[in-house]
Structure formats: C-alpha cells, structure tokens
C-alpha cells in the first residue's frame, strides 16, 4: 500500500509540474491565444506519457485557460477586445458591489488582502511576473470572499481564469507599471478603511477601468 501511494504522489507531481509549465507558457504567450495544444505534442515535447499529458490539458481546460470543442483539440483561450470589455464589465458589477457592501459592514481590511498586497511587493522586487499576477488575483478575490457568500465567490471565480490571463498580458506587454497597480491597491485599501461605500466602490471601479482600457487598446492595435 505504501509503494502504491508513493507512485500516485509521483504521478501527481509530474502532472502538477506539467500544468505549471504549460500555464507559464500561456501567460508569457509562448503558447499564443488560439494555439492548439494536443496530447501527442505535449507528451512528445515533455517526454511524458499521453495519459499524463491528457490530465494536464484537462486541468487547464478546467481553469479556463484552454478551451475544447467536441472532437477537437484543446486550444489556448483567445479573447478579443469586445470579450475583454465584457469580462471587465462583469467584474465591475461584482467587485464594486462587494466593496460597497464591505465598506458598510466592516472598516477592517481582510487579512488576505493585506497578505496579497505584500506578496505583490515581494514579487515585484524579485521580478517574478507570475507571482505578481497571482497576488493581484488573490487581492481581488479576498474582498469577494470576505462577504461570506459562497454563490458570489463561485460567480466571481468563474471570471478569474480569464482575468488572470488578462493580467498576465498586461504585465508581459508592460501595459501598466507594476508600481502603479500596487499604488492603486493601496488606494482601494485606504478607501475601504474609511467605511465610505462611495469611495470604496469608486476606487475599485477606477482600478478596473484602467486595466480594461490598457488591454483593449493593446488588443485593438
């Protein structure tokens, strides 16, 4: 039994490493939007078994970074400017309402938001783009989760994979300086601490609007 368990853990670690590598290539656009990602090619390139490649691809399909139509190979998610507009519209509806509600019900900033902000500063110092993006995602997720609504968190979670891809593109193409994002996050935290719903909602709306404009302008070019 002990040997069998060790083998399962080894297999899982290979899949995790493969998922991490493919994810990083997607975010860095080494695998650009619309590119096919097949089990055969992944298995050959990474020298892994096809079932391992298939599991990794299905994980990324589950994250929303790959999309698969019936009887067709998986492809890297490709968002055009109109889809990014729609994504940020949906995020704005959820996140502005969440910030207003938080400002009404609590002046304390969620611990998870403070940790995410600190992680982003560490990632900036280390020039670690993916960790910076992960911190950015967690920063925004923390305010939704702080409301304690499982349904709201699930709805927001559906947007996060596409959002993470957008944020990675923002950093890869230097569309917004990381220091500016950090400063905007500080303004969001400060607005929440004032317990002013209008200020809190406006701070997150302005932040999302900046990212949306930068990314849609880049895509339309």
Protein backbone atom coordinates (compact mmCIF):
# COMPACT_ATOMS: atom_id res chain seq x y z
CA UNK A 1 0.00 0.00 0.00
CA UNK A 2 2.82 2.36 0.87
CA UNK A 3 4.51 1.81 -2.51
CA UNK A 4 1.26 2.37 -4.41
CA UNK A 5 0.66 5.63 -2.57
CA UNK A 6 4.18 6.83 -3.40
CA UNK A 7 3.59 6.10 -7.07
CA UNK A 8 0.37 8.12 -7.07
CA UNK A 9 2.15 11.05 -5.47
CA UNK A 10 4.94 10.85 -8.06
CA UNK A 11 2.43 10.85 -10.91
CA UNK A 12 0.59 13.79 -9.38
CA UNK A 13 3.81 15.79 -9.05
CA UNK A 14 4.63 15.23 -12.74
CA UNK A 15 1.17 16.44 -13.73
CA UNK A 16 1.49 19.48 -11.46
CA UNK A 17 4.88 20.36 -12.96
CA UNK A 18 3.50 19.94 -16.47
CA UNK A 19 0.46 22.11 -15.71
CA UNK A 20 2.73 24.81 -14.22
CA UNK A 21 4.97 24.79 -17.29
CA UNK A 22 2.11 24.97 -19.78
CA UNK A 23 0.39 27.67 -17.74
CA UNK A 24 3.55 29.78 -17.69
CA UNK A 25 3.93 29.39 -21.47
CA UNK A 26 0.34 30.52 -21.95
CA UNK A 27 0.79 33.57 -19.76
CA UNK A 28 4.06 34.52 -21.47
CA UNK A 29 2.37 33.96 -24.85
CA UNK A 30 4.88 31.34 -25.91
CA UNK A 31 1.62 29.49 -26.48
CA UNK A 32 -0.46 32.32 -28.01
CA UNK A 33 -4.21 32.64 -27.99
CA UNK A 34 -5.82 30.17 -30.37
CA UNK A 35 -2.82 27.81 -30.46
CA UNK A 36 -3.66 24.09 -30.47
CA UNK A 37 -2.37 22.05 -27.51
CA UNK A 38 -2.56 18.33 -28.29
CA UNK A 39 -1.87 15.37 -26.05
CA UNK A 40 0.55 13.92 -28.59
CA UNK A 41 2.63 17.07 -28.91
CA UNK A 42 2.72 17.73 -25.16
CA UNK A 43 3.71 14.12 -24.45
CA UNK A 44 6.50 14.25 -27.01
CA UNK A 45 7.80 17.68 -26.03
CA UNK A 46 7.94 16.92 -22.31
CA UNK A 47 8.73 13.20 -22.67
CA UNK A 48 5.73 12.12 -20.59
CA UNK A 49 3.03 9.51 -21.14
CA UNK A 50 -0.05 10.57 -23.08
CA UNK A 51 -2.38 10.00 -20.08
CA UNK A 52 -0.20 12.45 -18.13
CA UNK A 53 -0.42 14.97 -20.95
CA UNK A 54 -4.18 14.45 -21.17
CA UNK A 55 -4.63 15.05 -17.42
CA UNK A 56 -2.59 18.25 -17.57
CA UNK A 57 -4.57 19.54 -20.54
CA UNK A 58 -7.88 18.76 -18.82
CA UNK A 59 -6.69 20.65 -15.74
CA UNK A 60 -6.04 23.73 -17.86
CA UNK A 61 -9.41 23.32 -19.58
CA UNK A 62 -10.94 23.30 -16.09
CA UNK A 63 -9.09 26.52 -15.27
CA UNK A 64 -10.45 28.14 -18.41
CA UNK A 65 -7.03 28.74 -19.97
CA UNK A 66 -7.64 26.09 -22.62
CA UNK A 67 -10.94 25.56 -24.40
CA UNK A 68 -12.04 22.39 -26.14
CA UNK A 69 -14.87 21.80 -28.57
CA UNK A 70 -16.27 18.31 -29.03
CA UNK A 71 -13.96 16.03 -31.04
CA UNK A 72 -11.36 18.79 -31.43
CA UNK A 73 -8.00 19.53 -29.84
CA UNK A 74 -7.78 21.94 -26.93
CA UNK A 75 -6.75 25.48 -27.81
CA UNK A 76 -5.41 28.38 -25.80
CA UNK A 77 -8.17 30.79 -24.83
CA UNK A 78 -8.28 33.73 -27.23
CA UNK A 79 -10.01 36.89 -26.04
CA UNK A 80 -10.69 39.80 -28.36
CA UNK A 81 -11.21 43.38 -27.24
CA UNK A 82 -15.00 43.04 -27.05
CA UNK A 83 -14.71 39.95 -24.84
CA UNK A 84 -12.30 41.78 -22.54
CA UNK A 85 -14.79 44.65 -22.34
CA UNK A 86 -17.48 42.18 -21.30
CA UNK A 87 -15.20 40.44 -18.80
CA UNK A 88 -14.35 43.68 -17.04
CA UNK A 89 -17.99 44.78 -17.13
CA UNK A 90 -18.92 41.58 -15.27
CA UNK A 91 -16.06 42.01 -12.82
CA UNK A 92 -17.01 45.63 -12.19
CA UNK A 93 -20.60 44.72 -11.35
CA UNK A 94 -19.47 42.17 -8.76
CA UNK A 95 -16.45 43.93 -7.30
CA UNK A 96 -17.93 47.40 -6.98
CA UNK A 97 -20.97 45.98 -5.17
CA UNK A 98 -18.72 43.88 -2.95
CA UNK A 99 -16.57 46.86 -1.97
CA UNK A 100 -19.60 48.98 -1.16
CA UNK A 101 -21.04 46.20 0.97
CA UNK A 102 -17.75 45.69 2.79
CA UNK A 103 -17.42 49.40 3.49
CA UNK A 104 -20.90 49.39 5.02
CA UNK A 105 -20.40 46.31 7.17
CA UNK A 106 -16.74 46.49 8.22
CA UNK A 107 -13.90 49.00 8.19
CA UNK A 108 -11.23 46.36 8.76
CA UNK A 109 -9.37 45.21 5.66
CA UNK A 110 -9.41 41.42 5.14
CA UNK A 111 -6.11 39.83 6.23
CA UNK A 112 -5.95 38.01 2.89
CA UNK A 113 -5.94 41.35 1.04
CA UNK A 114 -3.04 42.65 3.14
CA UNK A 115 -1.09 39.45 2.55
CA UNK A 116 -1.74 39.60 -1.19
CA UNK A 117 -0.56 43.22 -1.30
CA UNK A 118 2.64 42.24 0.50
CA UNK A 119 3.17 39.26 -1.82
CA UNK A 120 2.89 41.55 -4.83
CA UNK A 121 5.56 43.86 -3.48
CA UNK A 122 7.87 40.89 -2.86
CA UNK A 123 7.19 39.59 -6.37
CA UNK A 124 7.95 42.99 -7.86
CA UNK A 125 11.28 43.09 -6.04
CA UNK A 126 12.06 39.58 -7.32
CA UNK A 127 10.81 40.42 -10.84
CA UNK A 128 8.52 37.41 -10.64
CA UNK A 129 5.67 38.20 -13.03
CA UNK A 130 3.55 35.12 -12.40
CA UNK A 131 3.67 35.50 -8.61
CA UNK A 132 2.81 39.19 -9.03
CA UNK A 133 -0.24 38.25 -11.11
CA UNK A 134 -1.24 35.57 -8.57
CA UNK A 135 -1.08 38.20 -5.81
CA UNK A 136 -3.22 40.55 -7.89
CA UNK A 137 -5.84 37.84 -8.35
CA UNK A 138 -5.84 36.98 -4.65
CA UNK A 139 -6.14 40.67 -3.72
CA UNK A 140 -9.39 41.00 -5.64
CA UNK A 141 -10.66 37.57 -4.62
CA UNK A 142 -10.21 38.40 -0.94
CA UNK A 143 -12.86 41.15 -0.95
CA UNK A 144 -15.44 38.90 -2.58
CA UNK A 145 -14.69 36.02 -0.20
CA UNK A 146 -14.84 38.35 2.83
CA UNK A 147 -18.57 38.78 2.27
CA UNK A 148 -19.09 35.12 3.10
CA UNK A 149 -21.37 34.34 0.16
CA UNK A 150 -20.48 31.01 -1.43
CA UNK A 151 -22.57 31.79 -4.51
CA UNK A 152 -20.93 35.17 -5.02
CA UNK A 153 -17.48 33.63 -4.65
CA UNK A 154 -18.34 30.95 -7.20
CA UNK A 155 -19.65 33.52 -9.67
CA UNK A 156 -16.53 35.62 -9.27
CA UNK A 157 -14.34 32.54 -9.52
CA UNK A 158 -15.71 31.81 -12.98
CA UNK A 159 -14.20 35.09 -14.17
CA UNK A 160 -10.79 34.65 -12.57
CA UNK A 161 -9.05 32.38 -15.09
CA UNK A 162 -9.83 34.77 -17.92
CA UNK A 163 -8.87 37.64 -15.65
CA UNK A 164 -5.55 36.01 -14.78
CA UNK A 165 -4.74 35.65 -18.47
CA UNK A 166 -5.59 39.34 -18.97
CA UNK A 167 -3.41 40.40 -16.05
CA UNK A 168 -0.52 38.32 -17.35
CA UNK A 169 -0.84 40.04 -20.72
CA UNK A 170 -0.83 43.44 -19.02
CA UNK A 171 2.48 42.61 -17.34
CA UNK A 172 4.06 40.76 -20.28
CA UNK A 173 3.46 43.74 -22.58
CA UNK A 174 4.23 46.39 -19.91
CA UNK A 175 0.81 47.97 -20.38
CA UNK A 176 0.65 49.21 -16.79
CA UNK A 177 3.60 49.66 -14.45
CA UNK A 178 3.53 47.21 -11.53
CA UNK A 179 4.23 50.10 -9.16
CA UNK A 180 1.08 51.83 -10.41
CA UNK A 181 -1.00 48.71 -9.74
CA UNK A 182 0.41 48.49 -6.22
CA UNK A 183 -0.37 52.17 -5.62
CA UNK A 184 -3.94 51.71 -6.84
CA UNK A 185 -4.35 48.75 -4.50
CA UNK A 186 -3.22 50.96 -1.62
CA UNK A 187 -5.91 53.48 -2.54
CA UNK A 188 -8.50 50.70 -2.55
CA UNK A 189 -7.39 49.60 0.92
CA UNK A 190 -7.44 53.17 2.21
CA UNK A 191 -10.92 53.76 0.78
CA UNK A 192 -12.23 50.61 2.46
CA UNK A 193 -10.81 51.70 5.81
CA UNK A 194 -12.78 54.97 5.63
CA UNK A 195 -16.01 52.90 5.71
CA UNK A 196 -17.27 55.15 2.88
CA UNK A 197 -19.19 52.98 0.35
CA UNK A 198 -18.95 55.61 -2.39
CA UNK A 199 -15.19 55.96 -2.05
CA UNK A 200 -14.62 52.22 -1.83
CA UNK A 201 -16.76 51.48 -4.88
CA UNK A 202 -15.17 54.28 -6.89
CA UNK A 203 -11.63 53.14 -6.04
CA UNK A 204 -12.11 49.61 -7.36
CA UNK A 205 -14.09 50.83 -10.40
CA UNK A 206 -11.33 53.25 -11.39
CA UNK A 207 -8.73 50.50 -10.96
CA UNK A 208 -10.60 48.04 -13.19
CA UNK A 209 -11.30 50.73 -15.78
CA UNK A 210 -7.60 51.49 -16.16
CA UNK A 211 -6.75 47.82 -16.76
CA UNK A 212 -9.62 47.38 -19.20
CA UNK A 213 -8.63 50.43 -21.26
CA UNK A 214 -4.97 49.42 -21.42
CA UNK A 215 -5.73 45.87 -22.50
CA UNK A 216 -8.46 46.64 -25.03
CA UNK A 217 -6.30 49.34 -26.61
CA UNK A 218 -3.45 46.82 -26.92
CA UNK A 219 -5.74 44.20 -28.48
CA UNK A 220 -7.23 46.64 -30.97
CA UNK A 221 -3.76 47.67 -32.10
